């Protein structure tokens, strides 16, 4: 479900290599927007794959994080 919503919102096509590395915590500072963990660890993956409601909320949250990364808001 998560990947469907990410694709539908256009987040999969808009992600470049730098944003993917940022999300996975593979940057110079892996805790750039989080004080404890990279963004990857904030998602309950089994629930995101099987729950429509949770997948939609994760997509909304990731869209916000991408906007923060791009400097559009925040």
Protein backbone atom coordinates (compact mmCIF):
# COMPACT_ATOMS: atom_id res chain seq x y z
CA UNK A 1 0.00 0.00 0.00
CA UNK A 2 2.76 2.44 0.88
CA UNK A 3 4.47 2.24 -2.49
CA UNK A 4 1.16 2.70 -4.30
CA UNK A 5 0.44 5.92 -2.39
CA UNK A 6 4.00 7.15 -2.87
CA UNK A 7 3.68 6.53 -6.60
CA UNK A 8 0.21 8.15 -6.74
CA UNK A 9 1.45 11.29 -4.98
CA UNK A 10 4.45 11.50 -7.32
CA UNK A 11 7.01 11.09 -4.56
CA UNK A 12 8.72 8.10 -6.15
CA UNK A 13 9.40 9.93 -9.41
CA UNK A 14 10.61 13.07 -7.62
CA UNK A 15 13.19 11.33 -5.46
CA UNK A 16 16.76 11.68 -6.55
CA UNK A 17 19.79 9.84 -5.28
CA UNK A 18 20.55 12.52 -2.72
CA UNK A 19 17.04 12.40 -1.21
CA UNK A 20 17.09 8.61 -1.05
CA UNK A 21 20.46 8.65 0.74
CA UNK A 22 19.05 11.28 3.13
CA UNK A 23 16.00 9.13 3.86
CA UNK A 24 18.15 6.03 4.49
CA UNK A 25 20.51 7.94 6.79
CA UNK A 26 23.49 7.57 4.46
CA UNK A 27 24.46 11.26 4.45
CA UNK A 28 27.31 12.99 6.26
CA UNK A 29 24.91 13.69 9.12
CA UNK A 30 22.36 10.83 9.26
CA UNK A 31 20.35 12.57 11.98
CA UNK A 32 19.89 15.79 10.02
CA UNK A 33 16.15 16.23 10.74
CA UNK A 34 15.89 13.83 13.66
CA UNK A 35 17.72 13.83 16.96
CA UNK A 36 17.63 10.06 17.41
CA UNK A 37 17.19 8.07 14.19
CA UNK A 38 17.26 8.43 10.40
CA UNK A 39 13.83 8.85 8.79
CA UNK A 40 13.82 5.22 7.70
CA UNK A 41 13.47 3.95 11.25
CA UNK A 42 10.45 6.15 12.02
CA UNK A 43 8.14 4.02 9.84
CA UNK A 44 6.47 0.82 11.00
CA UNK A 45 7.16 -1.07 7.74
CA UNK A 46 4.80 -4.06 8.10
CA UNK A 47 1.97 -1.74 8.99
CA UNK A 48 2.88 0.66 6.13
CA UNK A 49 2.76 -2.18 3.60
CA UNK A 50 -0.57 -3.66 4.70
CA UNK A 51 -2.62 -0.81 6.23
CA UNK A 52 -4.20 1.69 3.81
CA UNK A 53 -4.79 4.36 6.44
CA UNK A 54 -1.27 4.15 7.87
CA UNK A 55 0.29 4.09 4.38
CA UNK A 56 -1.63 7.25 3.46
CA UNK A 57 -0.50 9.01 6.64
CA UNK A 58 3.12 7.97 6.03
CA UNK A 59 2.86 9.33 2.49
CA UNK A 60 1.58 12.66 3.81
CA UNK A 61 4.39 12.75 6.37
CA UNK A 62 7.03 11.92 3.74
CA UNK A 63 5.67 14.62 1.41
CA UNK A 64 6.13 17.10 4.27
CA UNK A 65 9.68 15.84 4.93
CA UNK A 66 10.57 16.14 1.24
CA UNK A 67 9.26 19.73 1.33
CA UNK A 68 11.48 20.41 4.34
CA UNK A 69 14.44 18.92 2.52
CA UNK A 70 13.76 21.04 -0.57
CA UNK A 71 13.42 24.16 1.57
CA UNK A 72 9.81 24.83 0.53
CA UNK A 73 8.45 24.98 4.09
CA UNK A 74 9.57 24.87 7.67
